[in-house]
Amino acid sequence: MSHPILGELESSNYVNFKFNEKDFKGLEGESLAAALLVNGVRVLRYHEGTGSPRGIYCNIGHCYECRVCVDGRQGIRACLTPIQEGMLVESGVQPYSSPEGREADDE
């Protein structure tokens, strides 16, 4: 398998990582975005102004929709970041609260 930025991925070694405190597995060296998609994760963060859910859009690093927090570093693009054993990943922005005080859905 080949990614335009990450290059060839030929690993069959699985690594463990966390996303929003949940345990996941992915192929060592594949992008964090790919690993999350395979594990059924579609929402990576919420828009700062509207609270609308954001996920993977371009998958080549241009759109910045997949920004997450990785090991305490904010604004990391999941589509360009290879997963590693023990990586701690969190949504880039916490769910938006509407004026009525309800949290936005993550669907």
PDB file of N, CA and C in Angstrom:
ATOM      1  N   MET A   1       0.852  -1.165   0.000  1.00  0.00           N
ATOM      2  CA  MET A   1       0.000   0.000   0.000  1.00  0.00           C
ATOM      3  C   MET A   1       0.898   1.228   0.000  1.00  0.00           C
ATOM      4  N   SER A   2       0.494   2.281  -0.708  1.00  0.00           N
ATOM      5  CA  SER A   2       1.299   3.488  -0.794  1.00  0.00           C
ATOM      6  C   SER A   2       0.459   4.717  -0.463  1.00  0.00           C
ATOM      7  N   HIS A   3       1.030   5.633   0.292  1.00  0.00           N
ATOM      8  CA  HIS A   3       0.400   6.889   0.654  1.00  0.00           C
ATOM      9  C   HIS A   3       1.237   7.999   0.022  1.00  0.00           C
ATOM     10  N   PRO A   4       0.602   9.052  -0.527  1.00  0.00           N
ATOM     11  CA  PRO A   4       1.375  10.081  -1.224  1.00  0.00           C
ATOM     12  C   PRO A   4       2.400  10.791  -0.345  1.00  0.00           C
ATOM     13  N   ILE A   5       2.207  10.815   0.950  1.00  0.00           N
ATOM     14  CA  ILE A   5       3.144  11.479   1.854  1.00  0.00           C
ATOM     15  C   ILE A   5       3.973  10.475   2.643  1.00  0.00           C
ATOM     16  N   LEU A   6       3.328   9.445   3.173  1.00  0.00           N
ATOM     17  CA  LEU A   6       4.014   8.489   4.042  1.00  0.00           C
ATOM     18  C   LEU A   6       4.826   7.462   3.268  1.00  0.00           C
ATOM     19  N   GLY A   7       4.516   7.275   2.001  1.00  0.00           N
ATOM     20  CA  GLY A   7       5.253   6.306   1.190  1.00  0.00           C
ATOM     21  C   GLY A   7       4.684   4.905   1.297  1.00  0.00           C
ATOM     22  N   GLU A   8       5.544   3.909   1.081  1.00  0.00           N
ATOM     23  CA  GLU A   8       5.125   2.505   1.108  1.00  0.00           C
ATOM     24  C   GLU A   8       4.879   2.027   2.530  1.00  0.00           C
ATOM     25  N   LEU A   9       3.790   1.298   2.710  1.00  0.00           N
ATOM     26  CA  LEU A   9       3.456   0.703   4.000  1.00  0.00           C
ATOM     27  C   LEU A   9       3.332  -0.797   3.815  1.00  0.00           C
ATOM     28  N   GLU A  10       4.285  -1.517   4.351  1.00  0.00           N
ATOM     29  CA  GLU A  10       4.279  -2.962   4.169  1.00  0.00           C
ATOM     30  C   GLU A  10       4.270  -3.711   5.488  1.00  0.00           C
ATOM     31  N   SER A  11       3.942  -3.043   6.561  1.00  0.00           N
ATOM     32  CA  SER A  11       3.981  -3.664   7.879  1.00  0.00           C
ATOM     33  C   SER A  11       2.765  -4.554   8.109  1.00  0.00           C
ATOM     34  N   SER A  12       2.968  -5.622   8.846  1.00  0.00           N
ATOM     35  CA  SER A  12       1.852  -6.432   9.320  1.00  0.00           C
ATOM     36  C   SER A  12       1.897  -6.479  10.841  1.00  0.00           C
ATOM     37  N   ASN A  13       2.674  -5.572  11.432  1.00  0.00           N
ATOM     38  CA  ASN A  13       2.822  -5.479  12.871  1.00  0.00           C
ATOM     39  C   ASN A  13       1.784  -4.496  13.420  1.00  0.00           C
ATOM     40  N   TYR A  14       0.958  -4.962  14.343  1.00  0.00           N
ATOM     41  CA  TYR A  14      -0.062  -4.103  14.934  1.00  0.00           C
ATOM     42  C   TYR A  14       0.468  -3.423  16.183  1.00  0.00           C
ATOM     43  N   VAL A  15       0.048  -2.175  16.372  1.00  0.00           N
ATOM     44  CA  VAL A  15       0.412  -1.414  17.566  1.00  0.00           C
ATOM     45  C   VAL A  15      -0.865  -0.956  18.252  1.00  0.00           C
ATOM     46  N   ASN A  16      -0.750  -0.665  19.543  1.00  0.00           N
ATOM     47  CA  ASN A  16      -1.869  -0.192  20.347  1.00  0.00           C
ATOM     48  C   ASN A  16      -1.766   1.318  20.510  1.00  0.00           C
ATOM     49  N   PHE A  17      -2.913   1.991  20.430  1.00  0.00           N
ATOM     50  CA  PHE A  17      -2.968   3.429  20.668  1.00  0.00           C
ATOM     51  C   PHE A  17      -4.320   3.764  21.259  1.00  0.00           C
ATOM     52  N   LYS A  18      -4.450   4.961  21.803  1.00  0.00           N
ATOM     53  CA  LYS A  18      -5.718   5.400  22.393  1.00  0.00           C
ATOM     54  C   LYS A  18      -6.236   6.618  21.646  1.00  0.00           C
ATOM     55  N   PHE A  19      -7.556   6.668  21.473  1.00  0.00           N
ATOM     56  CA  PHE A  19      -8.228   7.854  20.951  1.00  0.00           C
ATOM     57  C   PHE A  19      -9.365   8.184  21.898  1.00  0.00           C
ATOM     58  N   ASN A  20      -9.331   9.376  22.475  1.00  0.00           N
ATOM     59  CA  ASN A  20     -10.337   9.802  23.456  1.00  0.00           C
ATOM     60  C   ASN A  20     -10.561   8.741  24.528  1.00  0.00           C
ATOM     61  N   GLU A  21      -9.435   8.245  25.046  1.00  0.00           N
ATOM     62  CA  GLU A  21      -9.387   7.293  26.158  1.00  0.00           C
ATOM     63  C   GLU A  21      -9.893   5.893  25.820  1.00  0.00           C
ATOM     64  N   LYS A  22     -10.123   5.592  24.551  1.00  0.00           N
ATOM     65  CA  LYS A  22     -10.524   4.251  24.134  1.00  0.00           C
ATOM     66  C   LYS A  22      -9.344   3.573  23.452  1.00  0.00           C
ATOM     67  N   ASP A  23      -9.201   2.276  23.685  1.00  0.00           N
ATOM     68  CA  ASP A  23      -8.098   1.506  23.109  1.00  0.00           C
ATOM     69  C   ASP A  23      -8.405   1.067  21.681  1.00  0.00           C
ATOM     70  N   PHE A  24      -7.402   1.211  20.804  1.00  0.00           N
ATOM     71  CA  PHE A  24      -7.503   0.790  19.415  1.00  0.00           C
ATOM     72  C   PHE A  24      -6.204   0.126  18.983  1.00  0.00           C
ATOM     73  N   LYS A  25      -6.268  -0.581  17.863  1.00  0.00           N
ATOM     74  CA  LYS A  25      -5.090  -1.166  17.234  1.00  0.00           C
ATOM     75  C   LYS A  25      -5.035  -0.701  15.791  1.00  0.00           C
ATOM     76  N   GLY A  26      -3.821  -0.623  15.273  1.00  0.00           N
ATOM     77  CA  GLY A  26      -3.636  -0.269  13.879  1.00  0.00           C
ATOM     78  C   GLY A  26      -2.311  -0.804  13.390  1.00  0.00           C
ATOM     79  N   LEU A  27      -2.125  -0.807  12.082  1.00  0.00           N
ATOM     80  CA  LEU A  27      -0.875  -1.276  11.497  1.00  0.00           C
ATOM     81  C   LEU A  27       0.226  -0.258  11.746  1.00  0.00           C
ATOM     82  N   GLU A  28       1.329  -0.710  12.262  1.00  0.00           N
ATOM     83  CA  GLU A  28       2.463   0.164  12.522  1.00  0.00           C
ATOM     84  C   GLU A  28       2.849   0.920  11.254  1.00  0.00           C
ATOM     85  N   GLY A  29       2.978   2.233  11.369  1.00  0.00           N
ATOM     86  CA  GLY A  29       3.385   3.059  10.243  1.00  0.00           C
ATOM     87  C   GLY A  29       2.257   3.608   9.398  1.00  0.00           C
ATOM     88  N   GLU A  30       1.035   3.052   9.505  1.00  0.00           N
ATOM     89  CA  GLU A  30      -0.058   3.627   8.721  1.00  0.00           C
ATOM     90  C   GLU A  30      -0.464   4.950   9.355  1.00  0.00           C
ATOM     91  N   SER A  31      -1.167   5.755   8.604  1.00  0.00           N
ATOM     92  CA  SER A  31      -1.564   7.050   9.150  1.00  0.00           C
ATOM     93  C   SER A  31      -2.582   6.868  10.268  1.00  0.00           C
ATOM     94  N   LEU A  32      -2.556   7.785  11.193  1.00  0.00           N
ATOM     95  CA  LEU A  32      -3.520   7.784  12.283  1.00  0.00           C
ATOM     96  C   LEU A  32      -4.939   7.856  11.729  1.00  0.00           C
ATOM     97  N   ALA A  33      -5.137   8.660  10.686  1.00  0.00           N
ATOM     98  CA  ALA A  33      -6.462   8.775  10.061  1.00  0.00           C
ATOM     99  C   ALA A  33      -6.940   7.423   9.548  1.00  0.00           C
ATOM    100  N   ALA A  34      -6.078   6.685   8.857  1.00  0.00           N
ATOM    101  CA  ALA A  34      -6.452   5.370   8.327  1.00  0.00           C
ATOM    102  C   ALA A  34      -6.784   4.408   9.456  1.00  0.00           C
ATOM    103  N   ALA A  35      -5.982   4.421  10.496  1.00  0.00           N
ATOM    104  CA  ALA A  35      -6.225   3.525  11.631  1.00  0.00           C
ATOM    105  C   ALA A  35      -7.551   3.837  12.307  1.00  0.00           C
ATOM    106  N   LEU A  36      -7.874   5.119  12.448  1.00  0.00           N
ATOM    107  CA  LEU A  36      -9.148   5.489  13.058  1.00  0.00           C
ATOM    108  C   LEU A  36     -10.325   5.108  12.169  1.00  0.00           C
ATOM    109  N   LEU A  37     -10.205   5.327  10.874  1.00  0.00           N
ATOM    110  CA  LEU A  37     -11.272   4.931   9.950  1.00  0.00           C
ATOM    111  C   LEU A  37     -11.539   3.432  10.009  1.00  0.00           C
ATOM    112  N   VAL A  38     -10.489   2.639  10.003  1.00  0.00           N
ATOM    113  CA  VAL A  38     -10.636   1.182  10.064  1.00  0.00           C
ATOM    114  C   VAL A  38     -11.344   0.763  11.353  1.00  0.00           C
ATOM    115  N   ASN A  39     -11.113   1.525  12.411  1.00  0.00           N
ATOM    116  CA  ASN A  39     -11.727   1.224  13.705  1.00  0.00           C
ATOM    117  C   ASN A  39     -13.104   1.868  13.875  1.00  0.00           C
ATOM    118  N   GLY A  40     -13.654   2.462  12.813  1.00  0.00           N
ATOM    119  CA  GLY A  40     -15.011   3.001  12.850  1.00  0.00           C
ATOM    120  C   GLY A  40     -15.138   4.424  13.361  1.00  0.00           C
ATOM    121  N   VAL A  41     -14.021   5.109  13.591  1.00  0.00           N
ATOM    122  CA  VAL A  41     -14.070   6.487  14.077  1.00  0.00           C
ATOM    123  C   VAL A  41     -14.212   7.420  12.882  1.00  0.00           C
ATOM    124  N   ARG A  42     -15.253   8.226  12.878  1.00  0.00           N
ATOM    125  CA  ARG A  42     -15.498   9.150  11.781  1.00  0.00           C
ATOM    126  C   ARG A  42     -15.358  10.609  12.203  1.00  0.00           C
ATOM    127  N   VAL A  43     -15.639  10.918  13.470  1.00  0.00           N
ATOM    128  CA  VAL A  43     -15.540  12.285  13.978  1.00  0.00           C
ATOM    129  C   VAL A  43     -14.238  12.412  14.758  1.00  0.00           C
ATOM    130  N   LEU A  44     -13.376  13.327  14.302  1.00  0.00           N
ATOM    131  CA  LEU A  44     -12.084  13.529  14.962  1.00  0.00           C
ATOM    132  C   LEU A  44     -12.069  14.761  15.850  1.00  0.00           C
ATOM    133  N   ARG A  45     -12.891  15.731  15.526  1.00  0.00           N
ATOM    134  CA  ARG A  45     -12.946  16.970  16.289  1.00  0.00           C
ATOM    135  C   ARG A  45     -14.248  17.681  15.955  1.00  0.00           C
ATOM    136  N   TYR A  46     -14.439  18.852  16.606  1.00  0.00           N
ATOM    137  CA  TYR A  46     -15.615  19.688  16.346  1.00  0.00           C
ATOM    138  C   TYR A  46     -15.150  21.077  15.942  1.00  0.00           C
ATOM    139  N   HIS A  47     -15.861  21.682  15.002  1.00  0.00           N
ATOM    140  CA  HIS A  47     -15.523  23.022  14.522  1.00  0.00           C
ATOM    141  C   HIS A  47     -15.545  24.002  15.695  1.00  0.00           C
ATOM    142  N   GLU A  48     -14.538  24.854  15.736  1.00  0.00           N
ATOM    143  CA  GLU A  48     -14.382  25.789  16.839  1.00  0.00           C
ATOM    144  C   GLU A  48     -15.543  26.766  16.970  1.00  0.00           C
ATOM    145  N   GLY A  49     -16.132  27.179  15.865  1.00  0.00           N
ATOM    146  CA  GLY A  49     -17.192  28.182  15.906  1.00  0.00           C
ATOM    147  C   GLY A  49     -18.590  27.628  15.934  1.00  0.00           C
ATOM    148  N   THR A  50     -18.846  26.584  15.146  1.00  0.00           N
ATOM    149  CA  THR A  50     -20.209  26.073  15.018  1.00  0.00           C
ATOM    150  C   THR A  50     -20.468  24.791  15.797  1.00  0.00           C
ATOM    151  N   GLY A  51     -19.414  24.090  16.161  1.00  0.00           N
ATOM    152  CA  GLY A  51     -19.587  22.827  16.862  1.00  0.00           C
ATOM    153  C   GLY A  51     -19.901  21.659  15.953  1.00  0.00           C
ATOM    154  N   SER A  52     -19.908  21.878  14.645  1.00  0.00           N
ATOM    155  CA  SER A  52     -20.218  20.782  13.728  1.00  0.00           C
ATOM    156  C   SER A  52     -19.063  19.768  13.702  1.00  0.00           C
ATOM    157  N   PRO A  53     -19.407  18.492  13.568  1.00  0.00           N
ATOM    158  CA  PRO A  53     -18.368  17.460  13.584  1.00  0.00           C
ATOM    159  C   PRO A  53     -17.463  17.544  12.366  1.00  0.00           C
ATOM    160  N   ARG A  54     -16.193  17.248  12.578  1.00  0.00           N
ATOM    161  CA  ARG A  54     -15.199  17.246  11.513  1.00  0.00           C
ATOM    162  C   ARG A  54     -14.488  15.905  11.520  1.00  0.00           C
ATOM    163  N   GLY A  55     -14.109  15.460  10.324  1.00  0.00           N
ATOM    164  CA  GLY A  55     -13.409  14.188  10.194  1.00  0.00           C
ATOM    165  C   GLY A  55     -12.371  14.271   9.108  1.00  0.00           C
ATOM    166  N   ILE A  56     -12.135  13.168   8.468  1.00  0.00           N
ATOM    167  CA  ILE A  56     -11.127  13.107   7.422  1.00  0.00           C
ATOM    168  C   ILE A  56     -11.759  13.564   6.114  1.00  0.00           C
ATOM    169  N   TYR A  57     -11.127  14.522   5.452  1.00  0.00           N
ATOM    170  CA  TYR A  57     -11.677  15.062   4.223  1.00  0.00           C
ATOM    171  C   TYR A  57     -10.749  14.777   3.039  1.00  0.00           C
ATOM    172  N   CYS A  58      -9.574  15.365   3.032  1.00  0.00           N
ATOM    173  CA  CYS A  58      -8.706  15.220   1.854  1.00  0.00           C
ATOM    174  C   CYS A  58      -7.722  14.052   1.983  1.00  0.00           C
ATOM    175  N   ASN A  59      -7.301  13.732   3.195  1.00  0.00           N
ATOM    176  CA  ASN A  59      -6.365  12.642   3.502  1.00  0.00           C
ATOM    177  C   ASN A  59      -4.974  12.837   2.885  1.00  0.00           C
ATOM    178  N   ILE A  60      -4.622  14.075   2.524  1.00  0.00           N
ATOM    179  CA  ILE A  60      -3.264  14.337   2.033  1.00  0.00           C
ATOM    180  C   ILE A  60      -2.663  15.598   2.657  1.00  0.00           C
ATOM    181  N   GLY A  61      -3.245  16.084   3.740  1.00  0.00           N
ATOM    182  CA  GLY A  61      -2.642  17.181   4.482  1.00  0.00           C
ATOM    183  C   GLY A  61      -2.982  18.579   4.063  1.00  0.00           C
ATOM    184  N   HIS A  62      -3.945  18.762   3.160  1.00  0.00           N
ATOM    185  CA  HIS A  62      -4.263  20.110   2.683  1.00  0.00           C
ATOM    186  C   HIS A  62      -5.367  20.805   3.474  1.00  0.00           C
ATOM    187  N   CYS A  63      -6.343  20.067   3.953  1.00  0.00           N
ATOM    188  CA  CYS A  63      -7.546  20.715   4.473  1.00  0.00           C
ATOM    189  C   CYS A  63      -7.519  21.021   5.974  1.00  0.00           C
ATOM    190  N   TYR A  64      -6.723  20.365   6.739  1.00  0.00           N
ATOM    191  CA  TYR A  64      -6.624  20.560   8.194  1.00  0.00           C
ATOM    192  C   TYR A  64      -7.879  20.149   8.960  1.00  0.00           C
ATOM    193  N   GLU A  65      -8.778  19.415   8.348  1.00  0.00           N
ATOM    194  CA  GLU A  65      -9.997  18.984   9.040  1.00  0.00           C
ATOM    195  C   GLU A  65      -9.724  17.883  10.068  1.00  0.00           C
ATOM    196  N   CYS A  66      -8.618  17.177   9.921  1.00  0.00           N
ATOM    197  CA  CYS A  66      -8.337  16.021  10.781  1.00  0.00           C
ATOM    198  C   CYS A  66      -7.405  16.353  11.943  1.00  0.00           C
ATOM    199  N   ARG A  67      -7.330  17.630  12.315  1.00  0.00           N
ATOM    200  CA  ARG A  67      -6.436  18.022  13.414  1.00  0.00           C
ATOM    201  C   ARG A  67      -6.863  17.385  14.730  1.00  0.00           C
ATOM    202  N   VAL A  68      -5.898  16.802  15.424  1.00  0.00           N
ATOM    203  CA  VAL A  68      -6.123  16.170  16.714  1.00  0.00           C
ATOM    204  C   VAL A  68      -4.970  16.551  17.642  1.00  0.00           C
ATOM    205  N   CYS A  69      -5.061  16.130  18.868  1.00  0.00           N
ATOM    206  CA  CYS A  69      -4.009  16.312  19.858  1.00  0.00           C
ATOM    207  C   CYS A  69      -3.305  14.963  20.014  1.00  0.00           C
ATOM    208  N   VAL A  70      -1.995  14.913  19.765  1.00  0.00           N
ATOM    209  CA  VAL A  70      -1.225  13.673  19.845  1.00  0.00           C
ATOM    210  C   VAL A  70      -0.150  13.829  20.908  1.00  0.00           C
ATOM    211  N   ASP A  71      -0.224  12.984  21.931  1.00  0.00           N
ATOM    212  CA  ASP A  71       0.758  13.009  23.020  1.00  0.00           C
ATOM    213  C   ASP A  71       0.965  14.423  23.552  1.00  0.00           C
ATOM    214  N   GLY A  72      -0.147  15.171  23.705  1.00  0.00           N
ATOM    215  CA  GLY A  72      -0.105  16.509  24.267  1.00  0.00           C
ATOM    216  C   GLY A  72       0.167  17.628  23.280  1.00  0.00           C
ATOM    217  N   ARG A  73       0.453  17.296  22.023  1.00  0.00           N
ATOM    218  CA  ARG A  73       0.706  18.327  21.002  1.00  0.00           C
ATOM    219  C   ARG A  73      -0.573  18.567  20.210  1.00  0.00           C
ATOM    220  N   GLN A  74      -1.040  19.807  20.182  1.00  0.00           N
ATOM    221  CA  GLN A  74      -2.284  20.133  19.494  1.00  0.00           C
ATOM    222  C   GLN A  74      -2.051  20.452  18.025  1.00  0.00           C
ATOM    223  N   GLY A  75      -3.122  20.324  17.232  1.00  0.00           N
ATOM    224  CA  GLY A  75      -3.085  20.706  15.824  1.00  0.00           C
ATOM    225  C   GLY A  75      -2.351  19.739  14.918  1.00  0.00           C
ATOM    226  N   ILE A  76      -2.241  18.489  15.321  1.00  0.00           N
ATOM    227  CA  ILE A  76      -1.541  17.479  14.524  1.00  0.00           C
ATOM    228  C   ILE A  76      -2.520  16.899  13.493  1.00  0.00           C
ATOM    229  N   ARG A  77      -2.089  16.844  12.231  1.00  0.00           N
ATOM    230  CA  ARG A  77      -2.948  16.291  11.175  1.00  0.00           C
ATOM    231  C   ARG A  77      -2.865  14.761  11.193  1.00  0.00           C
ATOM    232  N   ALA A  78      -4.001  14.135  11.445  1.00  0.00           N
ATOM    233  CA  ALA A  78      -4.062  12.676  11.562  1.00  0.00           C
ATOM    234  C   ALA A  78      -3.700  11.973  10.260  1.00  0.00           C
ATOM    235  N   CYS A  79      -3.960  12.615   9.131  1.00  0.00           N
ATOM    236  CA  CYS A  79      -3.690  11.966   7.844  1.00  0.00           C
ATOM    237  C   CYS A  79      -2.205  11.908   7.516  1.00  0.00           C
ATOM    238  N   LEU A  80      -1.386  12.712   8.191  1.00  0.00           N
ATOM    239  CA  LEU A  80       0.049  12.739   7.925  1.00  0.00           C
ATOM    240  C   LEU A  80       0.877  12.131   9.048  1.00  0.00           C
ATOM    241  N   THR A  81       0.219  11.646  10.092  1.00  0.00           N
ATOM    242  CA  THR A  81       0.917  11.169  11.276  1.00  0.00           C
ATOM    243  C   THR A  81       0.883   9.647  11.368  1.00  0.00           C
ATOM    244  N   PRO A  82       2.039   8.987  11.247  1.00  0.00           N
ATOM    245  CA  PRO A  82       2.072   7.531  11.393  1.00  0.00           C
ATOM    246  C   PRO A  82       1.783   7.135  12.840  1.00  0.00           C
ATOM    247  N   ILE A  83       0.977   6.098  13.032  1.00  0.00           N
ATOM    248  CA  ILE A  83       0.696   5.666  14.400  1.00  0.00           C
ATOM    249  C   ILE A  83       1.907   4.941  14.965  1.00  0.00           C
ATOM    250  N   GLN A  84       2.025   5.042  16.274  1.00  0.00           N
ATOM    251  CA  GLN A  84       3.106   4.393  17.003  1.00  0.00           C
ATOM    252  C   GLN A  84       2.547   3.738  18.246  1.00  0.00           C
ATOM    253  N   GLU A  85       3.230   2.749  18.742  1.00  0.00           N
ATOM    254  CA  GLU A  85       2.832   2.045  19.965  1.00  0.00           C
ATOM    255  C   GLU A  85       2.670   3.045  21.107  1.00  0.00           C
ATOM    256  N   GLY A  86       1.506   2.964  21.783  1.00  0.00           N
ATOM    257  CA  GLY A  86       1.250   3.773  22.964  1.00  0.00           C
ATOM    258  C   GLY A  86       0.858   5.212  22.703  1.00  0.00           C
ATOM    259  N   MET A  87       0.645   5.592  21.466  1.00  0.00           N
ATOM    260  CA  MET A  87       0.277   6.965  21.122  1.00  0.00           C
ATOM    261  C   MET A  87      -1.042   7.329  21.803  1.00  0.00           C
ATOM    262  N   LEU A  88      -1.086   8.533  22.395  1.00  0.00           N
ATOM    263  CA  LEU A  88      -2.297   9.030  23.036  1.00  0.00           C
ATOM    264  C   LEU A  88      -2.873  10.146  22.173  1.00  0.00           C
ATOM    265  N   VAL A  89      -4.075   9.928  21.665  1.00  0.00           N
ATOM    266  CA  VAL A  89      -4.701  10.857  20.734  1.00  0.00           C
ATOM    267  C   VAL A  89      -6.027  11.326  21.323  1.00  0.00           C
ATOM    268  N   GLU A  90      -6.288  12.626  21.202  1.00  0.00           N
ATOM    269  CA  GLU A  90      -7.543  13.192  21.679  1.00  0.00           C
ATOM    270  C   GLU A  90      -8.131  14.094  20.597  1.00  0.00           C
ATOM    271  N   SER A  91      -9.439  14.269  20.639  1.00  0.00           N
ATOM    272  CA  SER A  91     -10.102  15.189  19.709  1.00  0.00           C
ATOM    273  C   SER A  91      -9.449  16.555  19.811  1.00  0.00           C
ATOM    274  N   GLY A  92      -9.346  17.241  18.683  1.00  0.00           N
ATOM    275  CA  GLY A  92      -8.679  18.530  18.652  1.00  0.00           C
ATOM    276  C   GLY A  92      -9.403  19.629  19.384  1.00  0.00           C
ATOM    277  N   VAL A  93     -10.730  19.627  19.374  1.00  0.00           N
ATOM    278  CA  VAL A  93     -11.531  20.647  20.039  1.00  0.00           C
ATOM    279  C   VAL A  93     -12.671  19.928  20.741  1.00  0.00           C
ATOM    280  N   GLN A  94     -12.959  20.335  21.944  1.00  0.00           N
ATOM    281  CA  GLN A  94     -14.040  19.704  22.697  1.00  0.00           C
ATOM    282  C   GLN A  94     -15.401  20.030  22.081  1.00  0.00           C
ATOM    283  N   PRO A  95     -16.398  19.149  22.295  1.00  0.00           N
ATOM    284  CA  PRO A  95     -17.727  19.405  21.715  1.00  0.00           C
ATOM    285  C   PRO A  95     -18.260  20.786  22.077  1.00  0.00           C
ATOM    286  N   TYR A  96     -18.848  21.414  21.075  1.00  0.00           N
ATOM    287  CA  TYR A  96     -19.429  22.753  21.175  1.00  0.00           C
ATOM    288  C   TYR A  96     -20.706  22.703  21.989  1.00  0.00           C
ATOM    289  N   SER A  97     -20.924  23.699  22.819  1.00  0.00           N
ATOM    290  CA  SER A  97     -22.195  23.828  23.535  1.00  0.00           C
ATOM    291  C   SER A  97     -23.037  24.892  22.849  1.00  0.00           C
ATOM    292  N   SER A  98     -24.252  24.531  22.510  1.00  0.00           N
ATOM    293  CA  SER A  98     -25.148  25.474  21.851  1.00  0.00           C
ATOM    294  C   SER A  98     -25.606  26.536  22.854  1.00  0.00           C
ATOM    295  N   PRO A  99     -26.206  27.600  22.375  1.00  0.00           N
ATOM    296  CA  PRO A  99     -26.700  28.633  23.300  1.00  0.00           C
ATOM    297  C   PRO A  99     -27.699  28.091  24.320  1.00  0.00           C
ATOM    298  N   GLU A 100     -28.377  26.993  23.974  1.00  0.00           N
ATOM    299  CA  GLU A 100     -29.336  26.394  24.897  1.00  0.00           C
ATOM    300  C   GLU A 100     -28.644  25.520  25.944  1.00  0.00           C
ATOM    301  N   GLY A 101     -27.307  25.345  25.798  1.00  0.00           N
ATOM    302  CA  GLY A 101     -26.560  24.567  26.777  1.00  0.00           C
ATOM    303  C   GLY A 101     -26.446  23.092  26.464  1.00  0.00           C
ATOM    304  N   ARG A 102     -26.983  22.665  25.303  1.00  0.00           N
ATOM    305  CA  ARG A 102     -26.892  21.251  24.920  1.00  0.00           C
ATOM    306  C   ARG A 102     -25.637  21.047  24.111  1.00  0.00           C
ATOM    307  N   GLU A 103     -24.997  19.882  24.308  1.00  0.00           N
ATOM    308  CA  GLU A 103     -23.833  19.567  23.486  1.00  0.00           C
ATOM    309  C   GLU A 103     -24.268  19.109  22.107  1.00  0.00           C
ATOM    310  N   ALA A 104     -23.458  19.407  21.120  1.00  0.00           N
ATOM    311  CA  ALA A 104     -23.742  18.976  19.747  1.00  0.00           C
ATOM    312  C   ALA A 104     -23.575  17.479  19.632  1.00  0.00           C
ATOM    313  N   ASP A 105     -24.352  16.844  18.751  1.00  0.00           N
ATOM    314  CA  ASP A 105     -24.226  15.422  18.495  1.00  0.00           C
ATOM    315  C   ASP A 105     -22.919  15.131  17.782  1.00  0.00           C
ATOM    316  N   ASP A 106     -22.380  13.908  17.957  1.00  0.00           N
ATOM    317  CA  ASP A 106     -21.137  13.544  17.267  1.00  0.00           C
ATOM    318  C   ASP A 106     -21.382  12.603  16.120  1.00  0.00           C
ATOM    319  N   GLU A 107     -22.556  12.656  15.552  1.00  0.00           N
ATOM    320  CA  GLU A 107     -22.873  11.791  14.405  1.00  0.00           C
ATOM    321  C   GLU A 107     -22.408  12.403  13.121  1.00  0.00           C
TER     322      GLU A 107
END
